[in-house]
């Protein structure tokens, strides 16, 4: 059975090419999440959840892979703090590598489609030309309950979110504050 949140997202991307962040949505996203983990804490938790983990961001993805952990899906843009990085382990370790365009401050239909088609597959890497930050919202909505979504908070650590109905509804509420571009 498809959730209301997944249906809502599908209805948006049936007509939209992009959804764009607004100041209101940005304020919601800038609020601190439940707790930021240190790299050591993150790696310990990740080892327990590797088969149902999605990472969003280059540093968090490289940290996982360099510690011998291959999440089921990784999403990255070959940048950290808007600076290009040369070495990304995901491009070497994942055979299912998908490339999509996604402008900064937006979620493109292409990114949405890449995630929805691959969210339940093992060992998928999505390389974003643009910016991948907002992919967290899409992965929360499309993942199964119990899946773990992780992303870095520059200079602070790593956020880890366990997907459940409440988190999915929260992600949709943020998306509802974004602007649809057809």
N, C-alpha and C. Protein backbone atom coordinates (compact mmCIF):
# COMPACT_ATOMS: atom_id res chain seq x y z
N UNK A 1 0.84 -1.18 0.00
CA UNK A 1 0.00 0.00 0.00
C UNK A 1 0.89 1.25 0.00
N UNK A 2 0.55 2.18 -0.84
CA UNK A 2 1.34 3.43 -0.93
C UNK A 2 0.82 4.44 0.10
N UNK A 3 1.74 5.10 0.78
CA UNK A 3 1.37 6.05 1.82
C UNK A 3 0.83 7.35 1.20
N UNK A 4 0.08 8.09 2.01
CA UNK A 4 -0.44 9.39 1.57
C UNK A 4 0.71 10.31 1.19
N UNK A 5 1.81 10.22 1.93
CA UNK A 5 2.96 11.09 1.67
C UNK A 5 3.60 10.78 0.32
N UNK A 6 3.71 9.50 -0.01
CA UNK A 6 4.27 9.12 -1.30
C UNK A 6 3.33 9.54 -2.43
N UNK A 7 2.02 9.40 -2.21
CA UNK A 7 1.04 9.84 -3.20
C UNK A 7 1.13 11.35 -3.42
N UNK A 8 1.28 12.09 -2.32
CA UNK A 8 1.40 13.54 -2.42
C UNK A 8 2.63 13.92 -3.26
N UNK A 9 3.76 13.29 -2.98
CA UNK A 9 4.99 13.57 -3.72
C UNK A 9 4.82 13.24 -5.21
N UNK A 10 4.19 12.09 -5.49
CA UNK A 10 3.95 11.69 -6.88
C UNK A 10 3.06 12.71 -7.59
N UNK A 11 2.06 13.23 -6.88
CA UNK A 11 1.16 14.21 -7.50
C UNK A 11 1.90 15.51 -7.83
N UNK A 12 2.84 15.91 -6.97
CA UNK A 12 3.63 17.11 -7.25
C UNK A 12 4.47 16.92 -8.51
N UNK A 13 5.20 15.78 -8.57
CA UNK A 13 6.11 15.59 -9.69
C UNK A 13 5.42 15.10 -10.95
N UNK A 14 4.10 14.86 -10.89
CA UNK A 14 3.34 14.59 -12.11
C UNK A 14 3.26 15.86 -12.95
N UNK A 15 3.34 17.03 -12.29
CA UNK A 15 3.24 18.30 -13.02
C UNK A 15 4.48 19.18 -12.89
N UNK A 16 5.27 18.99 -11.84
CA UNK A 16 6.42 19.87 -11.58
C UNK A 16 7.70 19.36 -12.22
N UNK A 17 8.53 20.31 -12.65
CA UNK A 17 9.90 19.98 -13.05
C UNK A 17 10.83 20.11 -11.85
N UNK A 18 10.48 21.07 -10.96
CA UNK A 18 11.27 21.34 -9.76
C UNK A 18 10.34 21.75 -8.64
N UNK A 19 10.82 21.58 -7.41
CA UNK A 19 10.25 22.29 -6.29
C UNK A 19 11.40 23.07 -5.67
N UNK A 20 11.11 24.31 -5.35
CA UNK A 20 12.16 25.24 -4.91
C UNK A 20 11.97 25.62 -3.45
N UNK A 21 13.05 25.66 -2.74
CA UNK A 21 13.00 26.03 -1.32
C UNK A 21 12.53 27.47 -1.18
N UNK A 22 11.80 27.74 -0.14
CA UNK A 22 11.34 29.09 0.20
C UNK A 22 12.00 29.46 1.53
N UNK A 23 11.90 30.73 1.89
CA UNK A 23 12.46 31.14 3.19
C UNK A 23 11.80 30.40 4.34
N UNK A 24 10.49 30.18 4.25
CA UNK A 24 9.78 29.46 5.31
C UNK A 24 10.28 28.02 5.44
N UNK A 25 10.47 27.33 4.32
CA UNK A 25 10.99 25.96 4.35
C UNK A 25 12.43 25.95 4.85
N UNK A 26 13.21 26.94 4.42
CA UNK A 26 14.61 27.03 4.87
C UNK A 26 14.70 27.18 6.38
N UNK A 27 13.81 28.00 6.97
CA UNK A 27 13.78 28.15 8.44
C UNK A 27 13.51 26.81 9.12
N UNK A 28 12.56 26.05 8.58
CA UNK A 28 12.26 24.74 9.16
C UNK A 28 13.46 23.80 9.07
N UNK A 29 14.14 23.84 7.95
CA UNK A 29 15.29 22.95 7.75
C UNK A 29 16.51 23.38 8.58
N UNK A 30 16.58 24.63 8.95
CA UNK A 30 17.74 25.11 9.70
C UNK A 30 17.63 24.83 11.20
N UNK A 31 16.45 24.41 11.65
CA UNK A 31 16.29 24.08 13.06
C UNK A 31 17.11 22.84 13.37
N UNK A 32 17.76 22.82 14.53
CA UNK A 32 18.57 21.64 14.85
C UNK A 32 17.71 20.38 14.93
N UNK A 33 18.25 19.31 14.36
CA UNK A 33 17.55 18.04 14.44
C UNK A 33 17.86 17.42 15.80
N UNK A 34 17.21 16.33 16.12
CA UNK A 34 17.23 15.71 17.45
C UNK A 34 18.60 15.61 18.11
N UNK A 35 19.59 15.34 17.37
CA UNK A 35 20.92 15.23 17.97
C UNK A 35 21.96 14.98 16.91
N UNK A 36 23.06 15.62 17.05
CA UNK A 36 24.15 15.45 16.09
C UNK A 36 25.15 14.48 16.69
N UNK A 37 25.53 13.49 15.90
CA UNK A 37 26.47 12.47 16.35
C UNK A 37 27.89 12.83 15.95
N UNK A 38 28.83 12.43 16.75
CA UNK A 38 30.24 12.54 16.36
C UNK A 38 30.50 11.48 15.29
N UNK A 39 31.61 11.58 14.60
CA UNK A 39 31.95 10.59 13.58
C UNK A 39 32.01 9.19 14.19
N UNK A 40 32.62 9.07 15.36
CA UNK A 40 32.73 7.76 16.01
C UNK A 40 31.35 7.19 16.33
N UNK A 41 30.45 8.00 16.91
CA UNK A 41 29.10 7.53 17.22
C UNK A 41 28.36 7.14 15.93
N UNK A 42 28.55 7.94 14.91
CA UNK A 42 27.89 7.68 13.64
C UNK A 42 28.33 6.33 13.06
N UNK A 43 29.62 6.07 13.05
CA UNK A 43 30.13 4.82 12.49
C UNK A 43 29.59 3.62 13.28
N UNK A 44 29.55 3.73 14.60
CA UNK A 44 29.00 2.64 15.41
C UNK A 44 27.55 2.35 15.04
N UNK A 45 26.75 3.39 14.93
CA UNK A 45 25.33 3.21 14.57
C UNK A 45 25.19 2.71 13.13
N UNK A 46 26.03 3.20 12.25
CA UNK A 46 25.94 2.83 10.85
C UNK A 46 26.20 1.34 10.65
N UNK A 47 27.15 0.79 11.38
CA UNK A 47 27.47 -0.64 11.25
C UNK A 47 26.26 -1.50 11.58
N UNK A 48 25.41 -1.02 12.48
CA UNK A 48 24.22 -1.77 12.86
C UNK A 48 23.10 -1.66 11.82
N UNK A 49 23.17 -0.66 10.95
CA UNK A 49 22.06 -0.35 10.05
C UNK A 49 22.46 -0.28 8.58
N UNK A 50 23.57 -0.86 8.21
CA UNK A 50 24.11 -0.67 6.86
C UNK A 50 23.13 -1.10 5.75
N UNK A 51 22.35 -2.14 5.97
CA UNK A 51 21.47 -2.64 4.91
C UNK A 51 20.25 -1.77 4.67
N UNK A 52 19.98 -0.84 5.58
CA UNK A 52 18.84 0.04 5.37
C UNK A 52 19.24 1.50 5.55
N UNK A 53 20.47 1.83 5.15
CA UNK A 53 20.98 3.18 5.31
C UNK A 53 21.12 3.89 3.98
N UNK A 54 20.75 5.19 4.01
CA UNK A 54 20.96 6.10 2.87
C UNK A 54 21.79 7.26 3.40
N UNK A 55 22.86 7.60 2.69
CA UNK A 55 23.64 8.78 3.06
C UNK A 55 23.44 9.85 2.01
N UNK A 56 23.37 11.11 2.49
CA UNK A 56 23.24 12.26 1.60
C UNK A 56 24.39 13.20 1.92
N UNK A 57 25.29 13.36 0.96
CA UNK A 57 26.45 14.23 1.14
C UNK A 57 27.75 13.48 0.97
N UNK A 58 28.75 14.20 0.51
CA UNK A 58 30.04 13.58 0.19
C UNK A 58 30.83 13.15 1.42
N UNK A 59 30.91 13.99 2.43
CA UNK A 59 31.73 13.67 3.60
C UNK A 59 31.15 12.47 4.34
N UNK A 60 29.84 12.48 4.58
CA UNK A 60 29.22 11.36 5.29
C UNK A 60 29.33 10.07 4.47
N UNK A 61 29.18 10.17 3.17
CA UNK A 61 29.31 9.00 2.30
C UNK A 61 30.74 8.46 2.32
N UNK A 62 31.72 9.36 2.15
CA UNK A 62 33.12 8.92 2.18
C UNK A 62 33.52 8.35 3.53
N UNK A 63 32.99 8.92 4.61
CA UNK A 63 33.28 8.39 5.95
C UNK A 63 32.80 6.96 6.07
N UNK A 64 31.60 6.70 5.59
CA UNK A 64 31.06 5.33 5.64
C UNK A 64 31.94 4.38 4.85
N UNK A 65 32.19 4.72 3.61
CA UNK A 65 32.91 3.82 2.72
C UNK A 65 34.34 3.60 3.22
N UNK A 66 35.00 4.65 3.69
CA UNK A 66 36.38 4.49 4.17
C UNK A 66 36.45 3.65 5.45
N UNK A 67 35.31 3.46 6.11
CA UNK A 67 35.25 2.59 7.28
C UNK A 67 34.65 1.22 6.95
N UNK A 68 34.63 0.89 5.66
CA UNK A 68 34.20 -0.43 5.22
C UNK A 68 32.69 -0.65 5.23
N UNK A 69 31.92 0.43 5.24
CA UNK A 69 30.47 0.33 5.30
C UNK A 69 29.90 0.83 3.97
N UNK A 70 29.13 -0.01 3.28
CA UNK A 70 28.51 0.39 2.02
C UNK A 70 27.00 0.50 2.21
N UNK A 71 26.49 1.73 2.36
CA UNK A 71 25.05 1.92 2.50
C UNK A 71 24.30 1.43 1.26
N UNK A 72 23.00 1.17 1.41
CA UNK A 72 22.22 0.71 0.25
C UNK A 72 22.14 1.79 -0.82
N UNK A 73 22.11 3.07 -0.40
CA UNK A 73 22.08 4.17 -1.37
C UNK A 73 22.91 5.33 -0.84
N UNK A 74 23.66 5.95 -1.74
CA UNK A 74 24.42 7.15 -1.41
C UNK A 74 24.09 8.22 -2.44
N UNK A 75 23.98 9.47 -1.96
CA UNK A 75 23.67 10.59 -2.84
C UNK A 75 24.71 11.66 -2.56
N UNK A 76 25.40 12.12 -3.60
CA UNK A 76 26.51 13.05 -3.41
C UNK A 76 26.65 13.96 -4.62
N UNK A 77 27.42 15.06 -4.46
CA UNK A 77 27.58 16.02 -5.57
C UNK A 77 29.05 16.39 -5.85
N UNK A 78 29.98 15.68 -5.25
CA UNK A 78 31.42 15.93 -5.42
C UNK A 78 31.82 17.32 -4.93
N UNK A 79 31.07 17.81 -3.90
CA UNK A 79 31.41 19.09 -3.28
C UNK A 79 31.18 18.99 -1.79
N UNK A 80 31.93 19.76 -1.04
CA UNK A 80 31.65 19.94 0.37
C UNK A 80 31.84 21.42 0.68
N UNK A 81 30.89 22.00 1.34
CA UNK A 81 30.88 23.44 1.60
C UNK A 81 31.11 24.23 0.31
N UNK A 82 30.48 23.77 -0.74
CA UNK A 82 30.50 24.38 -2.08
C UNK A 82 31.86 24.34 -2.77
N UNK A 83 32.79 23.58 -2.22
CA UNK A 83 34.10 23.43 -2.86
C UNK A 83 34.21 22.02 -3.43
N UNK A 84 34.75 21.95 -4.63
CA UNK A 84 34.93 20.66 -5.31
C UNK A 84 35.84 19.75 -4.49
N UNK A 85 35.50 18.47 -4.49
CA UNK A 85 36.39 17.48 -3.90
C UNK A 85 36.81 16.52 -5.01
N UNK A 86 38.02 16.06 -4.92
CA UNK A 86 38.56 15.22 -5.98
C UNK A 86 38.28 13.74 -5.77
N UNK A 87 38.24 13.32 -4.53
CA UNK A 87 38.14 11.90 -4.26
C UNK A 87 36.79 11.56 -3.64
N UNK A 88 36.03 10.76 -4.35
CA UNK A 88 34.78 10.25 -3.80
C UNK A 88 34.78 8.75 -3.99
N UNK A 89 34.78 8.05 -2.90
CA UNK A 89 34.86 6.59 -2.93
C UNK A 89 33.65 5.95 -3.59
N UNK A 90 32.50 6.62 -3.56
CA UNK A 90 31.28 6.03 -4.12
C UNK A 90 31.42 5.77 -5.62
N UNK A 91 32.10 6.66 -6.34
CA UNK A 91 32.26 6.46 -7.78
C UNK A 91 33.10 5.23 -8.09
N UNK A 92 33.91 4.80 -7.13
CA UNK A 92 34.76 3.61 -7.31
C UNK A 92 34.07 2.34 -6.83
N UNK A 93 33.23 2.45 -5.80
CA UNK A 93 32.70 1.27 -5.13
C UNK A 93 31.30 0.84 -5.54
N UNK A 94 30.57 1.71 -6.22
CA UNK A 94 29.19 1.39 -6.60
C UNK A 94 29.09 1.19 -8.10
N UNK A 95 28.60 0.02 -8.50
CA UNK A 95 28.46 -0.26 -9.93
C UNK A 95 27.19 0.37 -10.50
N UNK A 96 26.17 0.53 -9.67
CA UNK A 96 24.93 1.18 -10.11
C UNK A 96 25.06 2.68 -9.82
N UNK A 97 25.65 3.41 -10.76
CA UNK A 97 25.89 4.84 -10.61
C UNK A 97 24.97 5.60 -11.55
N UNK A 98 24.13 6.44 -10.97
CA UNK A 98 23.16 7.21 -11.72
C UNK A 98 23.56 8.68 -11.61
N UNK A 99 23.49 9.41 -12.71
CA UNK A 99 23.82 10.83 -12.69
C UNK A 99 22.56 11.64 -13.00
N UNK A 100 22.31 12.66 -12.18
CA UNK A 100 21.14 13.52 -12.38
C UNK A 100 21.52 14.98 -12.15
N UNK A 101 20.76 15.86 -12.76
CA UNK A 101 20.93 17.29 -12.52
C UNK A 101 19.97 17.72 -11.43
N UNK A 102 20.43 18.58 -10.55
CA UNK A 102 19.58 19.12 -9.50
C UNK A 102 20.16 20.46 -9.05
N UNK A 103 19.54 21.56 -9.49
CA UNK A 103 20.06 22.87 -9.14
C UNK A 103 20.04 23.12 -7.62
N UNK A 104 20.91 23.99 -7.15
CA UNK A 104 20.96 24.36 -5.74
C UNK A 104 19.62 24.93 -5.30
N UNK A 105 19.20 24.56 -4.10
CA UNK A 105 17.97 25.08 -3.53
C UNK A 105 16.70 24.49 -4.12
N UNK A 106 16.85 23.40 -4.87
CA UNK A 106 15.69 22.78 -5.52
C UNK A 106 15.75 21.27 -5.40
N UNK A 107 14.61 20.66 -5.71
CA UNK A 107 14.54 19.22 -5.91
C UNK A 107 13.99 19.03 -7.32
N UNK A 108 14.79 18.42 -8.19
CA UNK A 108 14.36 18.24 -9.57
C UNK A 108 13.55 16.95 -9.72
N UNK A 109 12.75 16.93 -10.77
CA UNK A 109 12.00 15.72 -11.09
C UNK A 109 12.98 14.57 -11.35
N UNK A 110 14.11 14.87 -11.98
CA UNK A 110 15.11 13.83 -12.25
C UNK A 110 15.66 13.21 -10.98
N UNK A 111 15.93 14.02 -9.95
CA UNK A 111 16.41 13.49 -8.67
C UNK A 111 15.33 12.64 -8.02
N UNK A 112 14.11 13.16 -8.01
CA UNK A 112 12.98 12.39 -7.45
C UNK A 112 12.86 11.03 -8.14
N UNK A 113 12.89 11.01 -9.48
CA UNK A 113 12.75 9.75 -10.22
C UNK A 113 13.90 8.79 -9.94
N UNK A 114 15.11 9.31 -9.86
CA UNK A 114 16.27 8.45 -9.57
C UNK A 114 16.13 7.81 -8.19
N UNK A 115 15.66 8.57 -7.22
CA UNK A 115 15.51 8.02 -5.87
C UNK A 115 14.37 7.01 -5.83
N UNK A 116 13.21 7.36 -6.38
CA UNK A 116 12.05 6.45 -6.29
C UNK A 116 12.33 5.13 -7.02
N UNK A 117 13.05 5.17 -8.13
CA UNK A 117 13.34 3.95 -8.89
C UNK A 117 14.37 3.06 -8.20
N UNK A 118 15.17 3.64 -7.30
CA UNK A 118 16.30 2.88 -6.73
C UNK A 118 16.29 2.76 -5.22
N UNK A 119 15.33 3.32 -4.53
CA UNK A 119 15.34 3.38 -3.07
C UNK A 119 15.34 1.98 -2.43
N UNK A 120 14.78 1.01 -3.10
CA UNK A 120 14.73 -0.34 -2.52
C UNK A 120 15.77 -1.28 -3.09
N UNK A 121 16.67 -0.75 -3.90
CA UNK A 121 17.76 -1.57 -4.44
C UNK A 121 18.98 -1.45 -3.53
N UNK A 122 19.85 -2.40 -3.64
CA UNK A 122 21.10 -2.38 -2.87
C UNK A 122 22.19 -1.72 -3.69
N UNK A 123 23.05 -1.00 -3.01
CA UNK A 123 24.27 -0.43 -3.58
C UNK A 123 24.05 0.45 -4.81
N UNK A 124 23.28 1.51 -4.60
CA UNK A 124 23.03 2.50 -5.65
C UNK A 124 23.69 3.81 -5.24
N UNK A 125 24.37 4.42 -6.20
CA UNK A 125 24.97 5.74 -5.99
C UNK A 125 24.32 6.72 -6.96
N UNK A 126 23.90 7.86 -6.42
CA UNK A 126 23.32 8.92 -7.25
C UNK A 126 24.27 10.12 -7.18
N UNK A 127 24.87 10.42 -8.31
CA UNK A 127 25.79 11.56 -8.41
C UNK A 127 24.99 12.74 -8.97
N UNK A 128 24.96 13.80 -8.19
CA UNK A 128 24.17 14.98 -8.53
C UNK A 128 25.05 16.05 -9.13
N UNK A 129 24.64 16.54 -10.28
CA UNK A 129 25.26 17.71 -10.88
C UNK A 129 24.46 18.90 -10.37
N UNK A 130 25.01 19.62 -9.42
CA UNK A 130 24.32 20.71 -8.76
C UNK A 130 24.47 20.57 -7.26
N UNK A 131 23.36 20.33 -6.57
CA UNK A 131 23.39 20.22 -5.11
C UNK A 131 22.43 19.13 -4.65
N UNK A 132 22.89 18.32 -3.68
CA UNK A 132 22.10 17.18 -3.23
C UNK A 132 21.42 17.37 -1.88
N UNK A 133 21.63 18.47 -1.20
CA UNK A 133 21.18 18.66 0.18
C UNK A 133 19.71 18.32 0.42
N UNK A 134 18.83 18.80 -0.44
CA UNK A 134 17.39 18.62 -0.23
C UNK A 134 16.92 17.20 -0.53
N UNK A 135 17.81 16.34 -1.03
CA UNK A 135 17.45 14.94 -1.28
C UNK A 135 17.04 14.23 0.01
N UNK A 136 17.47 14.75 1.15
CA UNK A 136 17.08 14.17 2.43
C UNK A 136 15.56 14.10 2.53
N UNK A 137 14.87 15.17 2.14
CA UNK A 137 13.41 15.19 2.24
C UNK A 137 12.77 14.08 1.40
N UNK A 138 13.26 13.90 0.20
CA UNK A 138 12.70 12.89 -0.70
C UNK A 138 12.99 11.48 -0.16
N UNK A 139 14.20 11.25 0.32
CA UNK A 139 14.53 9.92 0.82
C UNK A 139 13.72 9.57 2.06
N UNK A 140 13.45 10.54 2.90
CA UNK A 140 12.62 10.27 4.09
C UNK A 140 11.22 9.83 3.65
N UNK A 141 10.65 10.52 2.68
CA UNK A 141 9.30 10.20 2.24
C UNK A 141 9.24 8.85 1.53
N UNK A 142 10.23 8.54 0.73
CA UNK A 142 10.19 7.33 -0.10
C UNK A 142 10.74 6.07 0.57
N UNK A 143 11.47 6.23 1.65
CA UNK A 143 12.04 5.07 2.34
C UNK A 143 11.00 4.32 3.16
N UNK A 144 11.35 3.09 3.50
CA UNK A 144 10.49 2.28 4.35
C UNK A 144 10.68 2.68 5.81
N UNK A 145 9.65 2.44 6.62
CA UNK A 145 9.80 2.64 8.07
C UNK A 145 10.98 1.80 8.55
N UNK A 146 11.81 2.40 9.38
CA UNK A 146 12.99 1.70 9.90
C UNK A 146 14.26 2.00 9.13
N UNK A 147 14.14 2.50 7.89
CA UNK A 147 15.34 2.89 7.15
C UNK A 147 16.00 4.06 7.88
N UNK A 148 17.29 4.21 7.68
CA UNK A 148 18.06 5.27 8.32
C UNK A 148 18.59 6.22 7.25
N UNK A 149 18.32 7.51 7.43
CA UNK A 149 18.83 8.53 6.51
C UNK A 149 19.87 9.33 7.29
N UNK A 150 21.05 9.53 6.72
CA UNK A 150 22.09 10.29 7.41
C UNK A 150 22.64 11.36 6.49
N UNK A 151 22.98 12.49 7.11
CA UNK A 151 23.57 13.61 6.37
C UNK A 151 24.45 14.40 7.32
N UNK A 152 25.44 15.05 6.75
CA UNK A 152 26.39 15.80 7.56
C UNK A 152 25.92 17.21 7.87
N UNK A 153 26.39 17.69 9.00
CA UNK A 153 26.18 19.09 9.40
C UNK A 153 27.59 19.67 9.48
N UNK A 154 28.00 20.46 8.48
CA UNK A 154 29.38 20.93 8.41
C UNK A 154 29.89 21.54 9.72
N UNK A 155 31.04 21.06 10.14
CA UNK A 155 31.69 21.56 11.34
C UNK A 155 31.09 21.05 12.64
N UNK A 156 30.03 20.24 12.56
CA UNK A 156 29.37 19.77 13.78
C UNK A 156 29.31 18.26 13.93
N UNK A 157 28.97 17.54 12.87
CA UNK A 157 28.84 16.10 12.96
C UNK A 157 27.85 15.56 11.95
N UNK A 158 27.12 14.52 12.36
CA UNK A 158 26.22 13.81 11.45
C UNK A 158 24.83 13.68 12.09
N UNK A 159 23.82 13.94 11.28
CA UNK A 159 22.44 13.67 11.69
C UNK A 159 22.05 12.28 11.22
N UNK A 160 21.30 11.59 12.04
CA UNK A 160 20.81 10.26 11.70
C UNK A 160 19.31 10.26 11.99
N UNK A 161 18.50 9.95 11.01
CA UNK A 161 17.06 9.95 11.17
C UNK A 161 16.53 8.56 10.85
N UNK A 162 15.76 7.98 11.75
CA UNK A 162 15.10 6.70 11.51
C UNK A 162 13.71 7.01 10.96
N UNK A 163 13.44 6.52 9.76
CA UNK A 163 12.20 6.83 9.07
C UNK A 163 11.02 6.18 9.78
N UNK A 164 9.99 6.99 9.99
CA UNK A 164 8.72 6.49 10.51
C UNK A 164 7.64 7.42 9.96
N UNK A 165 6.39 7.13 10.27
CA UNK A 165 5.29 7.93 9.72
C UNK A 165 5.38 9.38 10.14
N UNK A 166 5.78 9.65 11.36
CA UNK A 166 5.89 11.02 11.85
C UNK A 166 6.96 11.80 11.09
N UNK A 167 8.12 11.18 10.87
CA UNK A 167 9.20 11.84 10.13
C UNK A 167 8.80 12.08 8.68
N UNK A 168 8.08 11.12 8.10
CA UNK A 168 7.61 11.25 6.73
C UNK A 168 6.64 12.45 6.62
N UNK A 169 5.72 12.57 7.58
CA UNK A 169 4.77 13.69 7.57
C UNK A 169 5.50 15.01 7.75
N UNK A 170 6.51 15.05 8.59
CA UNK A 170 7.30 16.26 8.79
C UNK A 170 7.97 16.69 7.48
N UNK A 171 8.53 15.72 6.74
CA UNK A 171 9.17 16.03 5.46
C UNK A 171 8.15 16.60 4.47
N UNK A 172 6.96 16.02 4.43
CA UNK A 172 5.91 16.52 3.53
C UNK A 172 5.51 17.93 3.94
N UNK A 173 5.39 18.19 5.23
CA UNK A 173 5.03 19.54 5.68
C UNK A 173 6.04 20.58 5.23
N UNK A 174 7.31 20.21 5.20
CA UNK A 174 8.34 21.14 4.70
C UNK A 174 8.18 21.32 3.19
N UNK A 175 7.96 20.24 2.48
CA UNK A 175 7.80 20.33 1.03
C UNK A 175 6.57 21.17 0.67
N UNK A 176 5.52 21.10 1.47
CA UNK A 176 4.32 21.90 1.21
C UNK A 176 4.62 23.40 1.28
N UNK A 177 5.70 23.77 1.95
CA UNK A 177 6.10 25.17 2.06
C UNK A 177 7.01 25.61 0.90
N UNK A 178 7.33 24.66 0.03
CA UNK A 178 8.20 24.97 -1.09
C UNK A 178 7.35 25.38 -2.30
N UNK A 179 8.01 25.96 -3.29
CA UNK A 179 7.31 26.47 -4.47
C UNK A 179 7.45 25.47 -5.62
N UNK A 180 6.34 25.15 -6.24
CA UNK A 180 6.31 24.22 -7.37
C UNK A 180 6.61 25.00 -8.66
N UNK A 181 7.53 24.48 -9.44
CA UNK A 181 7.89 25.10 -10.73
C UNK A 181 7.56 24.09 -11.83
N UNK A 182 6.64 24.48 -12.71
CA UNK A 182 6.22 23.57 -13.79
C UNK A 182 6.98 23.82 -15.07
